[in-house]
Amino acid sequence: MTNSLTPQIRAAIINYDPTQPNALSVTEFCRAHKISRSAFYKIRTRSQQESTAALHPRSRAPKQPARRYGRQVVNELVRIRKQLKADGWDYGPRTIYYEAAISETFPATTIPSPATIACLLASVGHVDASPKKRPKSSYIPFVRATAMSLWQLDAFEYDLTDGQTVTIYQLLDDSTRFDVGTTAHIRAENSTDAKSVLADAIAVHGAPQEVLSDNSSAFNQLRQGTIGAVEVFLASHGTMPISGLPGKPTTQGKNERSHQTLVRFLDANRAATVE
């Protein structure tokens, strides 16, 4: 690499004159100084263009240095994060970036990228450490390429402030993660309510190609050797019901993660009734 050449070797390359008596050939010169021919010609070409500047390597500093943000920007990011957390929303870098982008009072003309926001928050100690979390690089992503290719259906129970337990059904599009139908029902998980959730979503958005769920009897009974009401309903709309492997909830990981977001929001905005 030409950056590792000393000024003395650079000077010898610049002053090299093949017309002098007993002058070494270029190959012999390069061999004697332990440099490559390409490095030799790079220095020679640069000396013709920049004169003595070729005695020193070019600066390695980036042409566009990383932008630095002041304390005012960091404080605003912290404020947005605290507000999102208090309101029960996700408060990660991507959500903070979205809130900053739509804010008319953000104290900077350029919004920091989500990666930069994460670094700025970490620098002031506003990051929830999660040492047990596996690195994202270790996961094999499972996602459909287009919208309406696959929906994910799942349900969980939630306790209202009056002590009543309701079942919340979440229906997400696998590709876009768009919530096509989240509904709460007062009964325990059952196929009638699950079919109702699917019917309402299909009436608004149309029928997807496939619907993925776990192996609950309310959603998919194919692995049990029977055909349930949900499978019959989906088949009537040209949709194929599929299920994840037993004991492998990560197959429905997007829905499981969406449960966390919804529960966080419900905890911050406690409801007394289903209505």
C-alpha atoms as a PDB file:
ATOM      1  CA  MET A   1       0.000   0.000   0.000  1.00  0.00           C
ATOM      2  CA  THR A   2       1.344   3.440  -0.927  1.00  0.00           C
ATOM      3  CA  ASN A   3       0.270   4.945   2.422  1.00  0.00           C
ATOM      4  CA  SER A   4       2.931   2.866   4.215  1.00  0.00           C
ATOM      5  CA  LEU A   5       5.861   4.257   2.178  1.00  0.00           C
ATOM      6  CA  THR A   6       8.273   6.506   4.025  1.00  0.00           C
ATOM      7  CA  PRO A   7       9.111  10.011   2.727  1.00  0.00           C
ATOM      8  CA  GLN A   8      12.632   8.751   1.876  1.00  0.00           C
ATOM      9  CA  ILE A   9      11.313   6.010  -0.429  1.00  0.00           C
ATOM     10  CA  ARG A  10       8.831   8.436  -1.951  1.00  0.00           C
ATOM     11  CA  ALA A  11      11.666  10.882  -2.652  1.00  0.00           C
ATOM     12  CA  ALA A  12      13.734   8.126  -4.278  1.00  0.00           C
ATOM     13  CA  ILE A  13      10.777   7.228  -6.517  1.00  0.00           C
ATOM     14  CA  ILE A  14      10.238  10.866  -7.508  1.00  0.00           C
ATOM     15  CA  ASN A  15      13.946  11.425  -8.225  1.00  0.00           C
ATOM     16  CA  TYR A  16      14.365   8.169 -10.143  1.00  0.00           C
ATOM     17  CA  ASP A  17      15.838   8.850 -13.593  1.00  0.00           C
ATOM     18  CA  PRO A  18      16.128   5.834 -15.896  1.00  0.00           C
ATOM     19  CA  THR A  19      18.319   7.808 -18.347  1.00  0.00           C
ATOM     20  CA  GLN A  20      21.231   8.086 -15.917  1.00  0.00           C
ATOM     21  CA  PRO A  21      24.281   5.851 -16.526  1.00  0.00           C
ATOM     22  CA  ASN A  22      24.090   2.563 -14.630  1.00  0.00           C
ATOM     23  CA  ALA A  23      20.473   3.347 -13.629  1.00  0.00           C
ATOM     24  CA  LEU A  24      18.429   0.410 -12.383  1.00  0.00           C
ATOM     25  CA  SER A  25      15.413  -0.704 -14.327  1.00  0.00           C
ATOM     26  CA  VAL A  26      12.015  -0.064 -12.789  1.00  0.00           C
ATOM     27  CA  THR A  27      11.706  -3.724 -11.821  1.00  0.00           C
ATOM     28  CA  GLU A  28      15.157  -3.746 -10.202  1.00  0.00           C
ATOM     29  CA  PHE A  29      14.455  -0.440  -8.455  1.00  0.00           C
ATOM     30  CA  CYS A  30      11.198  -1.781  -7.021  1.00  0.00           C
ATOM     31  CA  ARG A  31      12.849  -5.009  -5.934  1.00  0.00           C
ATOM     32  CA  ALA A  32      15.668  -3.089  -4.212  1.00  0.00           C
ATOM     33  CA  HIS A  33      13.195  -0.934  -2.249  1.00  0.00           C
ATOM     34  CA  LYS A  34      10.727  -3.796  -1.658  1.00  0.00           C
ATOM     35  CA  ILE A  35       7.794  -2.044  -3.281  1.00  0.00           C
ATOM     36  CA  SER A  36       5.408  -3.035  -6.045  1.00  0.00           C
ATOM     37  CA  ARG A  37       5.461  -1.586  -9.539  1.00  0.00           C
ATOM     38  CA  SER A  38       1.918  -0.291  -9.070  1.00  0.00           C
ATOM     39  CA  ALA A  39       3.003   1.643  -5.955  1.00  0.00           C
ATOM     40  CA  PHE A  40       5.976   3.034  -7.894  1.00  0.00           C
ATOM     41  CA  TYR A  41       3.806   4.355 -10.716  1.00  0.00           C
ATOM     42  CA  LYS A  42       1.185   5.739  -8.340  1.00  0.00           C
ATOM     43  CA  ILE A  43       3.812   7.883  -6.629  1.00  0.00           C
ATOM     44  CA  ARG A  44       5.310   8.944  -9.965  1.00  0.00           C
ATOM     45  CA  THR A  45       1.905   9.942 -11.347  1.00  0.00           C
ATOM     46  CA  ARG A  46       0.997  11.829  -8.195  1.00  0.00           C
ATOM     47  CA  SER A  47       4.319  13.712  -8.208  1.00  0.00           C
ATOM     48  CA  GLN A  48       3.575  14.933 -11.719  1.00  0.00           C
ATOM     49  CA  GLN A  49       0.167  16.199 -10.620  1.00  0.00           C
ATOM     50  CA  GLU A  50       0.847  17.418  -7.065  1.00  0.00           C
ATOM     51  CA  SER A  51       4.629  17.979  -7.002  1.00  0.00           C
ATOM     52  CA  THR A  52       6.139  17.632  -3.497  1.00  0.00           C
ATOM     53  CA  ALA A  53       2.762  16.694  -1.980  1.00  0.00           C
ATOM     54  CA  ALA A  54       3.528  13.160  -3.182  1.00  0.00           C
ATOM     55  CA  LEU A  55       6.178  12.935  -0.432  1.00  0.00           C
ATOM     56  CA  HIS A  56       3.373  12.380   2.083  1.00  0.00           C
ATOM     57  CA  PRO A  57       0.336  10.087   1.986  1.00  0.00           C
ATOM     58  CA  ARG A  58      -3.080  11.584   1.401  1.00  0.00           C
ATOM     59  CA  SER A  59      -5.257  12.207   4.407  1.00  0.00           C
ATOM     60  CA  ARG A  60      -7.451   9.282   5.409  1.00  0.00           C
ATOM     61  CA  ALA A  61     -10.003  11.572   7.014  1.00  0.00           C
ATOM     62  CA  PRO A  62     -13.493  11.062   5.558  1.00  0.00           C
ATOM     63  CA  LYS A  63     -14.584  13.609   2.993  1.00  0.00           C
ATOM     64  CA  GLN A  64     -17.863  13.921   4.846  1.00  0.00           C
ATOM     65  CA  PRO A  65     -17.085  13.741   8.593  1.00  0.00           C
ATOM     66  CA  ALA A  66     -19.708  12.292  10.900  1.00  0.00           C
ATOM     67  CA  ARG A  67     -22.209  14.925  11.947  1.00  0.00           C
ATOM     68  CA  ARG A  68     -22.110  15.891  15.613  1.00  0.00           C
ATOM     69  CA  TYR A  69     -25.246  16.745  17.544  1.00  0.00           C
ATOM     70  CA  GLY A  70     -25.340  19.087  20.495  1.00  0.00           C
ATOM     71  CA  ARG A  71     -26.815  18.676  23.933  1.00  0.00           C
ATOM     72  CA  GLN A  72     -30.097  20.263  22.862  1.00  0.00           C
ATOM     73  CA  VAL A  73     -30.717  17.499  20.308  1.00  0.00           C
ATOM     74  CA  VAL A  74     -29.826  14.762  22.801  1.00  0.00           C
ATOM     75  CA  ASN A  75     -32.179  16.250  25.403  1.00  0.00           C
ATOM     76  CA  GLU A  76     -35.000  16.338  22.855  1.00  0.00           C
ATOM     77  CA  LEU A  77     -34.426  12.681  21.948  1.00  0.00           C
ATOM     78  CA  VAL A  78     -34.504  11.741  25.635  1.00  0.00           C
ATOM     79  CA  ARG A  79     -37.727  13.717  26.072  1.00  0.00           C
ATOM     80  CA  ILE A  80     -39.368  11.937  23.115  1.00  0.00           C
ATOM     81  CA  ARG A  81     -38.270   8.562  24.495  1.00  0.00           C
ATOM     82  CA  LYS A  82     -39.707   9.296  27.936  1.00  0.00           C
ATOM     83  CA  GLN A  83     -42.991  10.498  26.431  1.00  0.00           C
ATOM     84  CA  LEU A  84     -43.355   7.393  24.253  1.00  0.00           C
ATOM     85  CA  LYS A  85     -42.619   5.161  27.246  1.00  0.00           C
ATOM     86  CA  ALA A  86     -45.149   6.989  29.406  1.00  0.00           C
ATOM     87  CA  ASP A  87     -47.815   6.716  26.700  1.00  0.00           C
ATOM     88  CA  GLY A  88     -47.256   2.974  26.358  1.00  0.00           C
ATOM     89  CA  TRP A  89     -45.733   2.990  22.864  1.00  0.00           C
ATOM     90  CA  ASP A  90     -42.540   1.368  21.661  1.00  0.00           C
ATOM     91  CA  TYR A  91     -39.682   3.720  22.469  1.00  0.00           C
ATOM     92  CA  GLY A  92     -36.863   2.284  20.380  1.00  0.00           C
ATOM     93  CA  PRO A  93     -34.673   4.292  17.982  1.00  0.00           C
ATOM     94  CA  ARG A  94     -36.966   3.752  14.975  1.00  0.00           C
ATOM     95  CA  THR A  95     -40.048   5.025  16.804  1.00  0.00           C
ATOM     96  CA  ILE A  96     -38.104   7.980  18.201  1.00  0.00           C
ATOM     97  CA  TYR A  97     -36.868   8.776  14.686  1.00  0.00           C
ATOM     98  CA  TYR A  98     -40.459   8.807  13.390  1.00  0.00           C
ATOM     99  CA  GLU A  99     -41.640  11.090  16.198  1.00  0.00           C
ATOM    100  CA  ALA A 100     -38.705  13.460  15.637  1.00  0.00           C
ATOM    101  CA  ALA A 101     -39.381  13.538  11.887  1.00  0.00           C
ATOM    102  CA  ILE A 102     -42.995  14.684  12.338  1.00  0.00           C
ATOM    103  CA  SER A 103     -42.132  17.150  15.089  1.00  0.00           C
ATOM    104  CA  GLU A 104     -42.155  20.804  14.036  1.00  0.00           C
ATOM    105  CA  THR A 105     -39.993  21.881  16.957  1.00  0.00           C
ATOM    106  CA  PHE A 106     -37.098  19.434  16.651  1.00  0.00           C
ATOM    107  CA  PRO A 107     -33.906  21.489  17.327  1.00  0.00           C
ATOM    108  CA  ALA A 108     -31.978  20.325  14.241  1.00  0.00           C
ATOM    109  CA  THR A 109     -32.469  20.639  10.505  1.00  0.00           C
ATOM    110  CA  THR A 110     -31.375  17.017   9.982  1.00  0.00           C
ATOM    111  CA  ILE A 111     -32.912  14.181  11.992  1.00  0.00           C
ATOM    112  CA  PRO A 112     -30.300  11.696  13.306  1.00  0.00           C
ATOM    113  CA  SER A 113     -30.592   8.209  11.830  1.00  0.00           C
ATOM    114  CA  PRO A 114     -32.006   5.426  14.056  1.00  0.00           C
ATOM    115  CA  ALA A 115     -28.455   4.073  14.511  1.00  0.00           C
ATOM    116  CA  THR A 116     -27.201   7.516  15.558  1.00  0.00           C
ATOM    117  CA  ILE A 117     -30.166   7.950  17.904  1.00  0.00           C
ATOM    118  CA  ALA A 118     -29.240   4.648  19.570  1.00  0.00           C
ATOM    119  CA  CYS A 119     -25.642   5.839  20.026  1.00  0.00           C
ATOM    120  CA  LEU A 120     -26.720   9.234  21.406  1.00  0.00           C
ATOM    121  CA  LEU A 121     -29.115   7.642  23.901  1.00  0.00           C
ATOM    122  CA  ALA A 122     -26.487   5.104  24.949  1.00  0.00           C
ATOM    123  CA  SER A 123     -24.002   7.919  25.564  1.00  0.00           C
ATOM    124  CA  VAL A 124     -26.315   9.404  28.213  1.00  0.00           C
ATOM    125  CA  GLY A 125     -27.398   6.084  29.726  1.00  0.00           C
ATOM    126  CA  HIS A 126     -30.925   5.942  28.287  1.00  0.00           C
ATOM    127  CA  VAL A 127     -30.808   2.405  26.903  1.00  0.00           C
ATOM    128  CA  ASP A 128     -32.402  -0.641  28.526  1.00  0.00           C
ATOM    129  CA  ALA A 129     -29.649  -3.245  28.678  1.00  0.00           C
ATOM    130  CA  SER A 130     -30.679  -6.695  27.521  1.00  0.00           C
ATOM    131  CA  PRO A 131     -27.607  -8.952  27.773  1.00  0.00           C
ATOM    132  CA  LYS A 132     -29.669 -12.127  27.247  1.00  0.00           C
ATOM    133  CA  LYS A 133     -30.940 -10.993  23.869  1.00  0.00           C
ATOM    134  CA  ARG A 134     -29.401 -12.856  20.971  1.00  0.00           C
ATOM    135  CA  PRO A 135     -27.706 -10.773  18.270  1.00  0.00           C
ATOM    136  CA  LYS A 136     -29.902 -10.157  15.252  1.00  0.00           C
ATOM    137  CA  SER A 137     -27.259 -11.683  13.007  1.00  0.00           C
ATOM    138  CA  SER A 138     -27.932 -15.079  14.581  1.00  0.00           C
ATOM    139  CA  TYR A 139     -31.547 -15.168  13.421  1.00  0.00           C
ATOM    140  CA  ILE A 140     -32.805 -16.406  10.073  1.00  0.00           C
ATOM    141  CA  PRO A 141     -35.501 -13.921   9.008  1.00  0.00           C
ATOM    142  CA  PHE A 142     -38.925 -15.322   8.226  1.00  0.00           C
ATOM    143  CA  VAL A 143     -40.922 -12.821   6.176  1.00  0.00           C
ATOM    144  CA  ARG A 144     -43.019 -12.884   3.032  1.00  0.00           C
ATOM    145  CA  ALA A 145     -41.967 -10.623   0.193  1.00  0.00           C
ATOM    146  CA  THR A 146     -45.345  -9.026  -0.508  1.00  0.00           C
ATOM    147  CA  ALA A 147     -48.374  -7.855   1.427  1.00  0.00           C
ATOM    148  CA  MET A 148     -51.426 -10.129   1.616  1.00  0.00           C
ATOM    149  CA  SER A 149     -49.252 -13.213   1.092  1.00  0.00           C
ATOM    150  CA  LEU A 150     -49.579 -14.270   4.734  1.00  0.00           C
ATOM    151  CA  TRP A 151     -51.425 -13.146   7.844  1.00  0.00           C
ATOM    152  CA  GLN A 152     -50.496 -14.219  11.365  1.00  0.00           C
ATOM    153  CA  LEU A 153     -53.252 -14.870  13.902  1.00  0.00           C
ATOM    154  CA  ASP A 154     -52.785 -15.246  17.640  1.00  0.00           C
ATOM    155  CA  ALA A 155     -54.577 -14.394  20.880  1.00  0.00           C
ATOM    156  CA  PHE A 156     -53.748 -13.658  24.505  1.00  0.00           C
ATOM    157  CA  GLU A 157     -55.654 -12.920  27.703  1.00  0.00           C
ATOM    158  CA  TYR A 158     -55.648  -9.519  29.431  1.00  0.00           C
ATOM    159  CA  ASP A 159     -57.128  -8.405  32.759  1.00  0.00           C
ATOM    160  CA  LEU A 160     -59.191  -5.199  32.799  1.00  0.00           C
ATOM    161  CA  THR A 161     -59.303  -2.849  35.774  1.00  0.00           C
ATOM    162  CA  ASP A 162     -62.687  -4.226  36.854  1.00  0.00           C
ATOM    163  CA  GLY A 163     -61.169  -7.707  37.183  1.00  0.00           C
ATOM    164  CA  GLN A 164     -62.694  -9.094  34.005  1.00  0.00           C
ATOM    165  CA  THR A 165     -60.412 -11.170  31.767  1.00  0.00           C
ATOM    166  CA  VAL A 166     -60.799 -10.655  28.030  1.00  0.00           C
ATOM    167  CA  THR A 167     -59.257 -12.431  25.055  1.00  0.00           C
ATOM    168  CA  ILE A 168     -57.507 -10.177  22.538  1.00  0.00           C
ATOM    169  CA  TYR A 169     -57.070 -11.482  19.006  1.00  0.00           C
ATOM    170  CA  GLN A 170     -54.284  -9.962  16.917  1.00  0.00           C
ATOM    171  CA  LEU A 171     -54.130 -10.384  13.159  1.00  0.00           C
ATOM    172  CA  LEU A 172     -51.015  -9.046  11.387  1.00  0.00           C
ATOM    173  CA  ASP A 173     -49.821  -8.977   7.804  1.00  0.00           C
ATOM    174  CA  ASP A 174     -46.503 -10.847   7.742  1.00  0.00           C
ATOM    175  CA  SER A 175     -44.750  -8.658   5.166  1.00  0.00           C
ATOM    176  CA  THR A 176     -45.765  -5.181   6.348  1.00  0.00           C
ATOM    177  CA  ARG A 177     -46.613  -5.992  10.001  1.00  0.00           C
ATOM    178  CA  PHE A 178     -49.769  -3.967   9.459  1.00  0.00           C
ATOM    179  CA  ASP A 179     -52.455  -4.756  12.017  1.00  0.00           C
ATOM    180  CA  VAL A 180     -55.390  -5.890   9.890  1.00  0.00           C
ATOM    181  CA  GLY A 181     -57.602  -6.768  12.833  1.00  0.00           C
ATOM    182  CA  THR A 182     -57.149  -6.518  16.628  1.00  0.00           C
ATOM    183  CA  THR A 183     -60.320  -7.275  18.579  1.00  0.00           C
ATOM    184  CA  ALA A 184     -61.166  -8.043  22.197  1.00  0.00           C
ATOM    185  CA  HIS A 185     -63.800 -10.616  23.191  1.00  0.00           C
ATOM    186  CA  ILE A 186     -65.149 -11.458  26.622  1.00  0.00           C
ATOM    187  CA  ARG A 187     -65.099 -15.229  26.070  1.00  0.00           C
ATOM    188  CA  ALA A 188     -62.074 -17.493  26.275  1.00  0.00           C
ATOM    189  CA  GLU A 189     -60.199 -18.300  23.081  1.00  0.00           C
ATOM    190  CA  ASN A 190     -62.561 -20.087  20.688  1.00  0.00           C
ATOM    191  CA  SER A 191     -63.025 -20.728  16.971  1.00  0.00           C
ATOM    192  CA  THR A 192     -66.255 -18.686  16.706  1.00  0.00           C
ATOM    193  CA  ASP A 193     -64.590 -15.455  17.793  1.00  0.00           C
ATOM    194  CA  ALA A 194     -61.470 -16.268  15.765  1.00  0.00           C
ATOM    195  CA  LYS A 195     -63.611 -16.713  12.647  1.00  0.00           C
ATOM    196  CA  SER A 196     -65.371 -13.422  13.404  1.00  0.00           C
ATOM    197  CA  VAL A 197     -62.021 -11.607  13.593  1.00  0.00           C
ATOM    198  CA  LEU A 198     -60.946 -13.085  10.260  1.00  0.00           C
ATOM    199  CA  ALA A 199     -64.298 -12.303   8.632  1.00  0.00           C
ATOM    200  CA  ASP A 200     -64.114  -8.628   9.657  1.00  0.00           C
ATOM    201  CA  ALA A 201     -60.540  -8.293   8.373  1.00  0.00           C
ATOM    202  CA  ILE A 202     -61.286 -10.021   5.066  1.00  0.00           C
ATOM    203  CA  ALA A 203     -64.335  -7.808   4.547  1.00  0.00           C
ATOM    204  CA  VAL A 204     -62.093  -4.723   4.787  1.00  0.00           C
ATOM    205  CA  HIS A 205     -58.803  -5.861   3.232  1.00  0.00           C
ATOM    206  CA  GLY A 206     -59.693  -8.929   1.176  1.00  0.00           C
ATOM    207  CA  ALA A 207     -58.529 -12.498   1.666  1.00  0.00           C
ATOM    208  CA  PRO A 208     -54.798 -13.307   2.004  1.00  0.00           C
ATOM    209  CA  GLN A 209     -53.132 -16.285   0.377  1.00  0.00           C
ATOM    210  CA  GLU A 210     -52.360 -17.983   3.718  1.00  0.00           C
ATOM    211  CA  VAL A 211     -53.080 -17.544   7.438  1.00  0.00           C
ATOM    212  CA  LEU A 212     -50.485 -18.731   9.962  1.00  0.00           C
ATOM    213  CA  SER A 213     -51.410 -19.574  13.548  1.00  0.00           C
ATOM    214  CA  ASP A 214     -50.338 -21.844  16.358  1.00  0.00           C
ATOM    215  CA  ASN A 215     -51.891 -25.270  16.886  1.00  0.00           C
ATOM    216  CA  SER A 216     -54.647 -24.100  19.205  1.00  0.00           C
ATOM    217  CA  SER A 217     -57.980 -25.810  18.668  1.00  0.00           C
ATOM    218  CA  ALA A 218     -59.532 -22.390  18.162  1.00  0.00           C
ATOM    219  CA  PHE A 219     -57.300 -21.640  15.151  1.00  0.00           C
ATOM    220  CA  ASN A 220     -56.022 -24.766  13.445  1.00  0.00           C
ATOM    221  CA  GLN A 221     -56.959 -28.410  14.069  1.00  0.00           C
ATOM    222  CA  LEU A 222     -55.208 -29.944  11.056  1.00  0.00           C
ATOM    223  CA  ARG A 223     -52.359 -31.381  13.131  1.00  0.00           C
ATOM    224  CA  GLN A 224     -55.008 -33.023  15.332  1.00  0.00           C
ATOM    225  CA  GLY A 225     -56.423 -34.836  12.322  1.00  0.00           C
ATOM    226  CA  THR A 226     -59.655 -32.817  12.101  1.00  0.00           C
ATOM    227  CA  ILE A 227     -60.931 -29.778  10.227  1.00  0.00           C
ATOM    228  CA  GLY A 228     -62.271 -26.913  12.327  1.00  0.00           C
ATOM    229  CA  ALA A 229     -64.613 -24.041  11.598  1.00  0.00           C
ATOM    230  CA  VAL A 230     -61.756 -21.595  10.961  1.00  0.00           C
ATOM    231  CA  GLU A 231     -60.160 -23.858   8.343  1.00  0.00           C
ATOM    232  CA  VAL A 232     -63.500 -24.295   6.558  1.00  0.00           C
ATOM    233  CA  PHE A 233     -64.106 -20.552   6.579  1.00  0.00           C
ATOM    234  CA  LEU A 234     -60.645 -19.753   5.197  1.00  0.00           C
ATOM    235  CA  ALA A 235     -60.926 -22.410   2.508  1.00  0.00           C
ATOM    236  CA  SER A 236     -64.216 -20.877   1.368  1.00  0.00           C
ATOM    237  CA  HIS A 237     -62.297 -17.652   0.662  1.00  0.00           C
ATOM    238  CA  GLY A 238     -59.431 -19.373  -1.135  1.00  0.00           C
ATOM    239  CA  THR A 239     -57.039 -18.969   1.810  1.00  0.00           C
ATOM    240  CA  MET A 240     -54.787 -21.786   3.016  1.00  0.00           C
ATOM    241  CA  PRO A 241     -54.559 -22.211   6.826  1.00  0.00           C
ATOM    242  CA  ILE A 242     -51.098 -23.214   8.045  1.00  0.00           C
ATOM    243  CA  SER A 243     -49.638 -23.663  11.526  1.00  0.00           C
ATOM    244  CA  GLY A 244     -46.248 -23.499  13.162  1.00  0.00           C
ATOM    245  CA  LEU A 245     -44.416 -26.455  14.643  1.00  0.00           C
ATOM    246  CA  PRO A 246     -45.680 -27.513  18.082  1.00  0.00           C
ATOM    247  CA  GLY A 247     -43.646 -25.917  20.850  1.00  0.00           C
ATOM    248  CA  LYS A 248     -42.006 -23.422  18.455  1.00  0.00           C
ATOM    249  CA  PRO A 249     -43.631 -20.017  19.140  1.00  0.00           C
ATOM    250  CA  THR A 250     -40.840 -18.231  17.267  1.00  0.00           C
ATOM    251  CA  THR A 251     -42.589 -19.196  14.028  1.00  0.00           C
ATOM    252  CA  GLN A 252     -45.247 -16.640  15.020  1.00  0.00           C
ATOM    253  CA  GLY A 253     -42.567 -14.283  16.324  1.00  0.00           C
ATOM    254  CA  LYS A 254     -44.018 -11.122  14.789  1.00  0.00           C
ATOM    255  CA  ASN A 255     -47.317 -11.682  16.540  1.00  0.00           C
ATOM    256  CA  GLU A 256     -45.623 -12.557  19.825  1.00  0.00           C
ATOM    257  CA  ARG A 257     -43.608  -9.330  19.592  1.00  0.00           C
ATOM    258  CA  SER A 258     -46.730  -7.353  18.716  1.00  0.00           C
ATOM    259  CA  HIS A 259     -48.346  -8.642  21.907  1.00  0.00           C
ATOM    260  CA  GLN A 260     -45.642  -6.839  23.909  1.00  0.00           C
ATOM    261  CA  THR A 261     -46.362  -3.535  22.187  1.00  0.00           C
ATOM    262  CA  LEU A 262     -50.110  -3.866  22.728  1.00  0.00           C
ATOM    263  CA  VAL A 263     -49.783  -4.925  26.377  1.00  0.00           C
ATOM    264  CA  ARG A 264     -47.464  -1.995  27.052  1.00  0.00           C
ATOM    265  CA  PHE A 265     -50.019   0.381  25.559  1.00  0.00           C
ATOM    266  CA  LEU A 266     -52.889  -1.179  27.511  1.00  0.00           C
ATOM    267  CA  ASP A 267     -50.927  -0.997  30.761  1.00  0.00           C
ATOM    268  CA  ALA A 268     -50.340   2.724  30.189  1.00  0.00           C
ATOM    269  CA  ASN A 269     -54.000   3.331  29.297  1.00  0.00           C
ATOM    270  CA  ARG A 270     -55.911   1.025  31.607  1.00  0.00           C
ATOM    271  CA  ALA A 271     -59.382   0.129  30.326  1.00  0.00           C
ATOM    272  CA  ALA A 272     -62.315  -0.725  32.575  1.00  0.00           C
ATOM    273  CA  THR A 273     -64.521  -2.395  29.974  1.00  0.00           C
ATOM    274  CA  VAL A 274     -64.222  -4.012  26.554  1.00  0.00           C
ATOM    275  CA  GLU A 275     -65.988  -1.051  24.962  1.00  0.00           C
END
